[in-house]
Amino acid sequence: MRFFDEQLDAWRSTWIGPGRRMVRAFVARPVGDAIVLSGRFDDGDVRWSFSEITQSSFQWCNEVSLDRGRTWRLQQMFAARRAGT
Protein backbone atom coordinates (compact mmCIF):
# COMPACT_ATOMS: atom_id res chain seq x y z
CA MET A 1 0.00 0.00 0.00
CA ARG A 2 1.37 3.42 -0.93
CA PHE A 3 -0.07 6.91 -0.70
CA PHE A 4 1.21 10.47 -0.71
CA ASP A 5 1.02 12.21 2.69
CA GLU A 6 0.74 15.95 2.04
CA GLN A 7 1.58 16.82 5.67
CA LEU A 8 4.91 14.95 5.39
CA ASP A 9 5.46 15.89 1.75
CA ALA A 10 6.45 12.25 1.28
CA TRP A 11 5.03 8.88 0.36
CA ARG A 12 3.95 6.37 3.00
CA SER A 13 4.50 2.75 2.03
CA THR A 14 3.64 -0.48 3.83
CA TRP A 15 5.50 -3.70 3.05
CA ILE A 16 4.01 -7.02 4.12
CA GLY A 17 6.15 -10.17 4.44
CA PRO A 18 3.83 -13.05 5.32
CA GLY A 19 6.62 -15.66 5.29
CA ARG A 20 8.25 -13.99 8.31
CA ARG A 21 5.00 -12.50 9.67
CA MET A 22 6.31 -8.96 9.23
CA VAL A 23 4.65 -5.64 8.47
CA ARG A 24 6.91 -2.64 7.89
CA ALA A 25 5.81 0.98 7.45
CA PHE A 26 8.21 3.22 5.53
CA VAL A 27 8.39 6.87 4.51
CA ALA A 28 9.68 7.38 0.96
CA ARG A 29 11.38 10.49 -0.39
CA PRO A 30 13.64 11.38 -3.31
CA VAL A 31 17.31 11.68 -2.31
CA GLY A 32 19.37 12.95 -5.22
CA ASP A 33 18.56 10.69 -8.16
CA ALA A 34 17.36 7.86 -5.88
CA ILE A 35 14.13 7.03 -4.07
CA VAL A 36 14.77 6.09 -0.43
CA LEU A 37 12.29 4.33 1.84
CA SER A 38 13.20 4.54 5.52
CA GLY A 39 11.77 3.16 8.74
CA ARG A 40 12.65 2.63 12.39
CA PHE A 41 11.85 -0.79 13.86
CA ASP A 42 12.61 -2.82 17.00
CA ASP A 43 15.53 -4.52 15.23
CA GLY A 44 17.09 -1.29 13.90
CA ASP A 45 16.68 1.41 11.29
CA VAL A 46 16.14 0.22 7.74
CA ARG A 47 16.46 1.99 4.42
CA TRP A 48 15.65 0.65 1.00
CA SER A 49 17.10 2.62 -1.91
CA PHE A 50 16.11 2.49 -5.56
CA SER A 51 18.84 4.08 -7.66
CA GLU A 52 20.34 4.09 -11.14
CA ILE A 53 16.77 4.14 -12.40
CA THR A 54 16.34 3.96 -16.18
CA GLN A 55 13.54 2.92 -18.51
CA SER A 56 14.86 -0.66 -18.45
CA SER A 57 16.64 -1.19 -15.13
CA PHE A 58 17.30 -0.06 -11.56
CA GLN A 59 19.38 -1.00 -8.51
CA TRP A 60 17.82 -1.83 -5.13
CA CYS A 61 19.74 -1.81 -1.82
CA ASN A 62 18.59 -2.89 1.64
CA GLU A 63 20.64 -1.40 4.49
CA VAL A 64 20.32 -1.58 8.28
CA SER A 65 21.65 0.64 11.06
CA LEU A 66 21.88 -0.47 14.68
CA ASP A 67 23.09 2.93 15.92
CA ARG A 68 20.22 5.21 14.85
CA GLY A 69 21.66 5.97 11.41
CA ARG A 70 25.26 6.84 12.27
CA THR A 71 26.52 3.82 10.33
CA TRP A 72 24.82 1.57 7.78
CA ARG A 73 25.44 -2.06 6.79
CA LEU A 74 24.46 -3.36 3.37
CA GLN A 75 22.29 -6.48 3.68
CA GLN A 76 21.12 -6.98 0.10
CA MET A 77 21.70 -5.47 -3.33
CA PHE A 78 19.89 -6.34 -6.54
CA ALA A 79 20.42 -5.17 -10.09
CA ALA A 80 17.00 -5.43 -11.73
CA ARG A 81 16.09 -5.42 -15.37
CA ARG A 82 12.52 -4.77 -16.47
CA ALA A 83 10.83 -7.67 -18.23
CA GLY A 84 10.68 -7.38 -21.99
CA THR A 85 13.65 -5.02 -22.34
PDB file of N, CA and C in Angstrom:
ATOM      1  N   MET A   1       0.853  -1.157   0.000  1.00  0.00           N
ATOM      2  CA  MET A   1       0.000   0.000   0.000  1.00  0.00           C
ATOM      3  C   MET A   1       0.906   1.229   0.000  1.00  0.00           C
ATOM      4  N   ARG A   2       0.606   2.180  -0.871  1.00  0.00           N
ATOM      5  CA  ARG A   2       1.371   3.423  -0.931  1.00  0.00           C
ATOM      6  C   ARG A   2       0.406   4.585  -1.116  1.00  0.00           C
ATOM      7  N   PHE A   3       0.707   5.699  -0.456  1.00  0.00           N
ATOM      8  CA  PHE A   3      -0.069   6.913  -0.704  1.00  0.00           C
ATOM      9  C   PHE A   3       0.791   8.114  -0.343  1.00  0.00           C
ATOM     10  N   PHE A   4       0.473   9.240  -0.973  1.00  0.00           N
ATOM     11  CA  PHE A   4       1.208  10.468  -0.709  1.00  0.00           C
ATOM     12  C   PHE A   4       0.597  11.167   0.497  1.00  0.00           C
ATOM     13  N   ASP A   5       1.436  11.516   1.474  1.00  0.00           N
ATOM     14  CA  ASP A   5       1.018  12.209   2.685  1.00  0.00           C
ATOM     15  C   ASP A   5       1.422  13.666   2.526  1.00  0.00           C
ATOM     16  N   GLU A   6       0.443  14.531   2.281  1.00  0.00           N
ATOM     17  CA  GLU A   6       0.736  15.946   2.044  1.00  0.00           C
ATOM     18  C   GLU A   6       1.358  16.618   3.257  1.00  0.00           C
ATOM     19  N   GLN A   7       1.007  16.215   4.466  1.00  0.00           N
ATOM     20  CA  GLN A   7       1.584  16.824   5.665  1.00  0.00           C
ATOM     21  C   GLN A   7       3.075  16.519   5.770  1.00  0.00           C
ATOM     22  N   LEU A   8       3.492  15.320   5.363  1.00  0.00           N
ATOM     23  CA  LEU A   8       4.913  14.950   5.390  1.00  0.00           C
ATOM     24  C   LEU A   8       5.645  15.378   4.136  1.00  0.00           C
ATOM     25  N   ASP A   9       4.897  15.656   3.077  1.00  0.00           N
ATOM     26  CA  ASP A   9       5.464  15.894   1.746  1.00  0.00           C
ATOM     27  C   ASP A   9       6.314  14.699   1.335  1.00  0.00           C
ATOM     28  N   ALA A  10       5.755  13.511   1.565  1.00  0.00           N
ATOM     29  CA  ALA A  10       6.455  12.254   1.277  1.00  0.00           C
ATOM     30  C   ALA A  10       5.416  11.164   1.065  1.00  0.00           C
ATOM     31  N   TRP A  11       5.888  10.048   0.550  1.00  0.00           N
ATOM     32  CA  TRP A  11       5.027   8.884   0.359  1.00  0.00           C
ATOM     33  C   TRP A  11       5.105   7.995   1.589  1.00  0.00           C
ATOM     34  N   ARG A  12       3.982   7.425   1.988  1.00  0.00           N
ATOM     35  CA  ARG A  12       3.950   6.373   2.998  1.00  0.00           C
ATOM     36  C   ARG A  12       3.786   5.055   2.258  1.00  0.00           C
ATOM     37  N   SER A  13       4.539   4.050   2.686  1.00  0.00           N
ATOM     38  CA  SER A  13       4.504   2.751   2.031  1.00  0.00           C
ATOM     39  C   SER A  13       4.513   1.660   3.096  1.00  0.00           C
ATOM     40  N   THR A  14       3.688   0.644   2.908  1.00  0.00           N
ATOM     41  CA  THR A  14       3.644  -0.480   3.834  1.00  0.00           C
ATOM     42  C   THR A  14       4.043  -1.742   3.095  1.00  0.00           C
ATOM     43  N   TRP A  15       5.032  -2.437   3.612  1.00  0.00           N
ATOM     44  CA  TRP A  15       5.503  -3.704   3.054  1.00  0.00           C
ATOM     45  C   TRP A  15       5.019  -4.817   3.962  1.00  0.00           C
ATOM     46  N   ILE A  16       4.504  -5.879   3.362  1.00  0.00           N
ATOM     47  CA  ILE A  16       4.006  -7.018   4.122  1.00  0.00           C
ATOM     48  C   ILE A  16       4.776  -8.261   3.709  1.00  0.00           C
ATOM     49  N   GLY A  17       5.400  -8.938   4.677  1.00  0.00           N
ATOM     50  CA  GLY A  17       6.155 -10.166   4.439  1.00  0.00           C
ATOM     51  C   GLY A  17       5.522 -11.321   5.198  1.00  0.00           C
ATOM     52  N   PRO A  18       4.539 -12.004   4.593  1.00  0.00           N
ATOM     53  CA  PRO A  18       3.831 -13.053   5.323  1.00  0.00           C
ATOM     54  C   PRO A  18       4.707 -14.232   5.720  1.00  0.00           C
ATOM     55  N   GLY A  19       5.758 -14.527   4.955  1.00  0.00           N
ATOM     56  CA  GLY A  19       6.624 -15.659   5.287  1.00  0.00           C
ATOM     57  C   GLY A  19       7.303 -15.502   6.633  1.00  0.00           C
ATOM     58  N   ARG A  20       7.620 -14.257   7.004  1.00  0.00           N
ATOM     59  CA  ARG A  20       8.251 -13.987   8.307  1.00  0.00           C
ATOM     60  C   ARG A  20       7.308 -13.252   9.254  1.00  0.00           C
ATOM     61  N   ARG A  21       6.028 -13.171   8.863  1.00  0.00           N
ATOM     62  CA  ARG A  21       4.999 -12.498   9.669  1.00  0.00           C
ATOM     63  C   ARG A  21       5.422 -11.070  10.026  1.00  0.00           C
ATOM     64  N   MET A  22       5.827 -10.319   9.010  1.00  0.00           N
ATOM     65  CA  MET A  22       6.309  -8.961   9.232  1.00  0.00           C
ATOM     66  C   MET A  22       5.454  -7.949   8.476  1.00  0.00           C
ATOM     67  N   VAL A  23       5.252  -6.802   9.111  1.00  0.00           N
ATOM     68  CA  VAL A  23       4.650  -5.640   8.467  1.00  0.00           C
ATOM     69  C   VAL A  23       5.567  -4.466   8.768  1.00  0.00           C
ATOM     70  N   ARG A  24       5.990  -3.760   7.712  1.00  0.00           N
ATOM     71  CA  ARG A  24       6.913  -2.635   7.894  1.00  0.00           C
ATOM     72  C   ARG A  24       6.338  -1.394   7.227  1.00  0.00           C
ATOM     73  N   ALA A  25       6.276  -0.304   7.982  1.00  0.00           N
ATOM     74  CA  ALA A  25       5.814   0.977   7.454  1.00  0.00           C
ATOM     75  C   ALA A  25       7.028   1.853   7.172  1.00  0.00           C
ATOM     76  N   PHE A  26       7.096   2.376   5.964  1.00  0.00           N
ATOM     77  CA  PHE A  26       8.206   3.219   5.533  1.00  0.00           C
ATOM     78  C   PHE A  26       7.701   4.594   5.117  1.00  0.00           C
ATOM     79  N   VAL A  27       8.617   5.563   5.114  1.00  0.00           N
ATOM     80  CA  VAL A  27       8.387   6.872   4.511  1.00  0.00           C
ATOM     81  C   VAL A  27       9.365   6.969   3.351  1.00  0.00           C
ATOM     82  N   ALA A  28       8.851   7.345   2.173  1.00  0.00           N
ATOM     83  CA  ALA A  28       9.678   7.384   0.959  1.00  0.00           C
ATOM     84  C   ALA A  28       9.822   8.816   0.462  1.00  0.00           C
ATOM     85  N   ARG A  29      11.078   9.156   0.129  1.00  0.00           N
ATOM     86  CA  ARG A  29      11.385  10.489  -0.395  1.00  0.00           C
ATOM     87  C   ARG A  29      12.472  10.375  -1.464  1.00  0.00           C
ATOM     88  N   PRO A  30      12.499  11.336  -2.385  1.00  0.00           N
ATOM     89  CA  PRO A  30      13.635  11.378  -3.306  1.00  0.00           C
ATOM     90  C   PRO A  30      14.877  11.883  -2.575  1.00  0.00           C
ATOM     91  N   VAL A  31      16.009  11.255  -2.845  1.00  0.00           N
ATOM     92  CA  VAL A  31      17.310  11.684  -2.309  1.00  0.00           C
ATOM     93  C   VAL A  31      18.260  11.686  -3.495  1.00  0.00           C
ATOM     94  N   GLY A  32      18.579  12.873  -3.996  1.00  0.00           N
ATOM     95  CA  GLY A  32      19.368  12.948  -5.223  1.00  0.00           C
ATOM     96  C   GLY A  32      18.581  12.308  -6.352  1.00  0.00           C
ATOM     97  N   ASP A  33      19.219  11.395  -7.067  1.00  0.00           N
ATOM     98  CA  ASP A  33      18.561  10.687  -8.162  1.00  0.00           C
ATOM     99  C   ASP A  33      17.919   9.382  -7.709  1.00  0.00           C
ATOM    100  N   ALA A  34      17.897   9.118  -6.413  1.00  0.00           N
ATOM    101  CA  ALA A  34      17.355   7.863  -5.884  1.00  0.00           C
ATOM    102  C   ALA A  34      16.020   8.104  -5.182  1.00  0.00           C
ATOM    103  N   ILE A  35      15.319   7.014  -4.916  1.00  0.00           N
ATOM    104  CA  ILE A  35      14.130   7.030  -4.067  1.00  0.00           C
ATOM    105  C   ILE A  35      14.479   6.187  -2.850  1.00  0.00           C
ATOM    106  N   VAL A  36      14.362   6.772  -1.658  1.00  0.00           N
ATOM    107  CA  VAL A  36      14.775   6.086  -0.430  1.00  0.00           C
ATOM    108  C   VAL A  36      13.578   5.917   0.491  1.00  0.00           C
ATOM    109  N   LEU A  37      13.320   4.661   0.865  1.00  0.00           N
ATOM    110  CA  LEU A  37      12.289   4.329   1.843  1.00  0.00           C
ATOM    111  C   LEU A  37      12.993   4.075   3.166  1.00  0.00           C
ATOM    112  N   SER A  38      12.538   4.716   4.227  1.00  0.00           N
ATOM    113  CA  SER A  38      13.199   4.537   5.519  1.00  0.00           C
ATOM    114  C   SER A  38      12.171   4.247   6.597  1.00  0.00           C
ATOM    115  N   GLY A  39      12.623   3.489   7.611  1.00  0.00           N
ATOM    116  CA  GLY A  39      11.774   3.156   8.735  1.00  0.00           C
ATOM    117  C   GLY A  39      12.592   2.792   9.955  1.00  0.00           C
ATOM    118  N   ARG A  40      11.999   2.980  11.121  1.00  0.00           N
ATOM    119  CA  ARG A  40      12.653   2.627  12.389  1.00  0.00           C
ATOM    120  C   ARG A  40      11.841   1.518  13.032  1.00  0.00           C
ATOM    121  N   PHE A  41      12.527   0.403  13.346  1.00  0.00           N
ATOM    122  CA  PHE A  41      11.854  -0.785  13.861  1.00  0.00           C
ATOM    123  C   PHE A  41      12.582  -1.290  15.102  1.00  0.00           C
ATOM    124  N   ASP A  42      12.003  -2.268  15.786  1.00  0.00           N
ATOM    125  CA  ASP A  42      12.607  -2.822  17.000  1.00  0.00           C
ATOM    126  C   ASP A  42      13.999  -3.385  16.739  1.00  0.00           C
ATOM    127  N   ASP A  43      14.230  -3.917  15.535  1.00  0.00           N
ATOM    128  CA  ASP A  43      15.529  -4.523  15.231  1.00  0.00           C
ATOM    129  C   ASP A  43      16.470  -3.577  14.486  1.00  0.00           C
ATOM    130  N   GLY A  44      16.187  -2.272  14.501  1.00  0.00           N
ATOM    131  CA  GLY A  44      17.085  -1.290  13.903  1.00  0.00           C
ATOM    132  C   GLY A  44      16.404  -0.426  12.865  1.00  0.00           C
ATOM    133  N   ASP A  45      17.156   0.547  12.364  1.00  0.00           N
ATOM    134  CA  ASP A  45      16.677   1.407  11.292  1.00  0.00           C
ATOM    135  C   ASP A  45      16.946   0.712   9.962  1.00  0.00           C
ATOM    136  N   VAL A  46      16.019   0.869   9.039  1.00  0.00           N
ATOM    137  CA  VAL A  46      16.137   0.218   7.736  1.00  0.00           C
ATOM    138  C   VAL A  46      15.944   1.275   6.655  1.00  0.00           C
ATOM    139  N   ARG A  47      16.732   1.167   5.595  1.00  0.00           N
ATOM    140  CA  ARG A  47      16.456   1.986   4.417  1.00  0.00           C
ATOM    141  C   ARG A  47      16.599   1.128   3.177  1.00  0.00           C
ATOM    142  N   TRP A  48      15.648   1.305   2.290  1.00  0.00           N
ATOM    143  CA  TRP A  48      15.655   0.649   0.996  1.00  0.00           C
ATOM    144  C   TRP A  48      15.818   1.731  -0.042  1.00  0.00           C
ATOM    145  N   SER A  49      16.814   1.602  -0.907  1.00  0.00           N
ATOM    146  CA  SER A  49      17.104   2.619  -1.908  1.00  0.00           C
ATOM    147  C   SER A  49      16.938   2.056  -3.307  1.00  0.00           C
ATOM    148  N   PHE A  50      16.223   2.789  -4.135  1.00  0.00           N
ATOM    149  CA  PHE A  50      16.109   2.490  -5.558  1.00  0.00           C
ATOM    150  C   PHE A  50      16.922   3.550  -6.279  1.00  0.00           C
ATOM    151  N   SER A  51      17.949   3.125  -7.005  1.00  0.00           N
ATOM    152  CA  SER A  51      18.842   4.079  -7.660  1.00  0.00           C
ATOM    153  C   SER A  51      19.189   3.594  -9.064  1.00  0.00           C
ATOM    154  N   GLU A  52      19.948   4.414  -9.769  1.00  0.00           N
ATOM    155  CA  GLU A  52      20.344   4.093 -11.143  1.00  0.00           C
ATOM    156  C   GLU A  52      19.119   3.696 -11.962  1.00  0.00           C
ATOM    157  N   ILE A  53      18.048   4.450 -11.776  1.00  0.00           N
ATOM    158  CA  ILE A  53      16.765   4.142 -12.400  1.00  0.00           C
ATOM    159  C   ILE A  53      16.778   4.595 -13.855  1.00  0.00           C
ATOM    160  N   THR A  54      16.483   3.662 -14.755  1.00  0.00           N
ATOM    161  CA  THR A  54      16.343   3.958 -16.181  1.00  0.00           C
ATOM    162  C   THR A  54      15.019   3.367 -16.664  1.00  0.00           C
ATOM    163  N   GLN A  55      14.741   3.512 -17.943  1.00  0.00           N
ATOM    164  CA  GLN A  55      13.536   2.917 -18.514  1.00  0.00           C
ATOM    165  C   GLN A  55      13.562   1.398 -18.406  1.00  0.00           C
ATOM    166  N   SER A  56      14.763   0.807 -18.389  1.00  0.00           N
ATOM    167  CA  SER A  56      14.862  -0.656 -18.453  1.00  0.00           C
ATOM    168  C   SER A  56      15.489  -1.317 -17.226  1.00  0.00           C
ATOM    169  N   SER A  57      15.970  -0.547 -16.261  1.00  0.00           N
ATOM    170  CA  SER A  57      16.642  -1.185 -15.125  1.00  0.00           C
ATOM    171  C   SER A  57      16.693  -0.255 -13.915  1.00  0.00           C
ATOM    172  N   PHE A  58      17.060  -0.832 -12.777  1.00  0.00           N
ATOM    173  CA  PHE A  58      17.295  -0.062 -11.556  1.00  0.00           C
ATOM    174  C   PHE A  58      18.101  -0.930 -10.594  1.00  0.00           C
ATOM    175  N   GLN A  59      18.654  -0.293  -9.577  1.00  0.00           N
ATOM    176  CA  GLN A  59      19.378  -1.002  -8.512  1.00  0.00           C
ATOM    177  C   GLN A  59      18.598  -0.819  -7.220  1.00  0.00           C
ATOM    178  N   TRP A  60      18.514  -1.889  -6.408  1.00  0.00           N
ATOM    179  CA  TRP A  60      17.819  -1.835  -5.128  1.00  0.00           C
ATOM    180  C   TRP A  60      18.785  -2.278  -4.035  1.00  0.00           C
ATOM    181  N   CYS A  61      18.878  -1.484  -2.967  1.00  0.00           N
ATOM    182  CA  CYS A  61      19.736  -1.811  -1.820  1.00  0.00           C
ATOM    183  C   CYS A  61      18.906  -1.810  -0.538  1.00  0.00           C
ATOM    184  N   ASN A  62      19.197  -2.770   0.322  1.00  0.00           N
ATOM    185  CA  ASN A  62      18.586  -2.888   1.642  1.00  0.00           C
ATOM    186  C   ASN A  62      19.709  -2.707   2.655  1.00  0.00           C
ATOM    187  N   GLU A  63      19.603  -1.675   3.486  1.00  0.00           N
ATOM    188  CA  GLU A  63      20.638  -1.398   4.490  1.00  0.00           C
ATOM    189  C   GLU A  63      20.004  -1.321   5.877  1.00  0.00           C
ATOM    190  N   VAL A  64      20.795  -1.641   6.894  1.00  0.00           N
ATOM    191  CA  VAL A  64      20.319  -1.580   8.275  1.00  0.00           C
ATOM    192  C   VAL A  64      21.329  -0.805   9.120  1.00  0.00           C
ATOM    193  N   SER A  65      20.810  -0.080  10.106  1.00  0.00           N
ATOM    194  CA  SER A  65      21.645   0.641  11.063  1.00  0.00           C
ATOM    195  C   SER A  65      21.209   0.251  12.468  1.00  0.00           C
ATOM    196  N   LEU A  66      22.165  -0.126  13.291  1.00  0.00           N
ATOM    197  CA  LEU A  66      21.875  -0.474  14.683  1.00  0.00           C
ATOM    198  C   LEU A  66      22.234   0.646  15.647  1.00  0.00           C
ATOM    199  N   ASP A  67      22.689   1.796  15.085  1.00  0.00           N
ATOM    200  CA  ASP A  67      23.093   2.934  15.919  1.00  0.00           C
ATOM    201  C   ASP A  67      22.370   4.222  15.513  1.00  0.00           C
ATOM    202  N   ARG A  68      21.084   4.068  15.182  1.00  0.00           N
ATOM    203  CA  ARG A  68      20.216   5.207  14.847  1.00  0.00           C
ATOM    204  C   ARG A  68      20.717   6.009  13.645  1.00  0.00           C
ATOM    205  N   GLY A  69      21.279   5.332  12.661  1.00  0.00           N
ATOM    206  CA  GLY A  69      21.656   5.969  11.411  1.00  0.00           C
ATOM    207  C   GLY A  69      23.055   6.538  11.332  1.00  0.00           C
ATOM    208  N   ARG A  70      23.874   6.337  12.360  1.00  0.00           N
ATOM    209  CA  ARG A  70      25.265   6.836  12.273  1.00  0.00           C
ATOM    210  C   ARG A  70      26.070   6.012  11.283  1.00  0.00           C
ATOM    211  N   THR A  71      25.857   4.699  11.290  1.00  0.00           N
ATOM    212  CA  THR A  71      26.525   3.825  10.327  1.00  0.00           C
ATOM    213  C   THR A  71      25.483   2.887   9.721  1.00  0.00           C
ATOM    214  N   TRP A  72      25.740   2.455   8.501  1.00  0.00           N
ATOM    215  CA  TRP A  72      24.824   1.574   7.779  1.00  0.00           C
ATOM    216  C   TRP A  72      25.562   0.353   7.279  1.00  0.00           C
ATOM    217  N   ARG A  73      24.886  -0.802   7.287  1.00  0.00           N
ATOM    218  CA  ARG A  73      25.444  -2.061   6.787  1.00  0.00           C
ATOM    219  C   ARG A  73      24.561  -2.567   5.652  1.00  0.00           C
ATOM    220  N   LEU A  74      25.186  -2.831   4.521  1.00  0.00           N
ATOM    221  CA  LEU A  74      24.461  -3.360   3.374  1.00  0.00           C
ATOM    222  C   LEU A  74      24.059  -4.799   3.649  1.00  0.00           C
ATOM    223  N   GLN A  75      22.778  -5.113   3.498  1.00  0.00           N
ATOM    224  CA  GLN A  75      22.288  -6.478   3.682  1.00  0.00           C
ATOM    225  C   GLN A  75      22.015  -7.168   2.355  1.00  0.00           C
ATOM    226  N   GLN A  76      21.460  -6.418   1.399  1.00  0.00           N
ATOM    227  CA  GLN A  76      21.123  -6.982   0.095  1.00  0.00           C
ATOM    228  C   GLN A  76      21.300  -5.912  -0.975  1.00  0.00           C
ATOM    229  N   MET A  77      21.655  -6.360  -2.185  1.00  0.00           N
ATOM    230  CA  MET A  77      21.700  -5.467  -3.330  1.00  0.00           C
ATOM    231  C   MET A  77      21.270  -6.264  -4.553  1.00  0.00           C
ATOM    232  N   PHE A  78      20.373  -5.688  -5.330  1.00  0.00           N
ATOM    233  CA  PHE A  78      19.888  -6.336  -6.539  1.00  0.00           C
ATOM    234  C   PHE A  78      20.013  -5.371  -7.706  1.00  0.00           C
ATOM    235  N   ALA A  79      20.472  -5.888  -8.823  1.00  0.00           N
ATOM    236  CA  ALA A  79      20.423  -5.167 -10.085  1.00  0.00           C
ATOM    237  C   ALA A  79      19.241  -5.748 -10.851  1.00  0.00           C
ATOM    238  N   ALA A  80      18.241  -4.941 -11.111  1.00  0.00           N
ATOM    239  CA  ALA A  80      17.004  -5.426 -11.729  1.00  0.00           C
ATOM    240  C   ALA A  80      16.885  -4.913 -13.157  1.00  0.00           C
ATOM    241  N   ARG A  81      16.350  -5.776 -13.988  1.00  0.00           N
ATOM    242  CA  ARG A  81      16.086  -5.421 -15.373  1.00  0.00           C
ATOM    243  C   ARG A  81      14.607  -5.646 -15.610  1.00  0.00           C
ATOM    244  N   ARG A  82      13.951  -4.659 -16.209  1.00  0.00           N
ATOM    245  CA  ARG A  82      12.520  -4.767 -16.467  1.00  0.00           C
ATOM    246  C   ARG A  82      12.233  -5.836 -17.505  1.00  0.00           C
ATOM    247  N   ALA A  83      11.201  -6.601 -17.310  1.00  0.00           N
ATOM    248  CA  ALA A  83      10.829  -7.675 -18.228  1.00  0.00           C
ATOM    249  C   ALA A  83      10.524  -7.082 -19.614  1.00  0.00           C
ATOM    250  N   GLY A  84      10.976  -7.797 -20.631  1.00  0.00           N
ATOM    251  CA  GLY A  84      10.684  -7.378 -21.993  1.00  0.00           C
ATOM    252  C   GLY A  84      11.620  -6.341 -22.549  1.00  0.00           C
ATOM    253  N   THR A  85      12.718  -6.025 -21.814  1.00  0.00           N
ATOM    254  CA  THR A  85      13.645  -5.016 -22.338  1.00  0.00           C
ATOM    255  C   THR A  85      14.977  -5.648 -22.680  1.00  0.00           C
TER     256      THR A  85
END
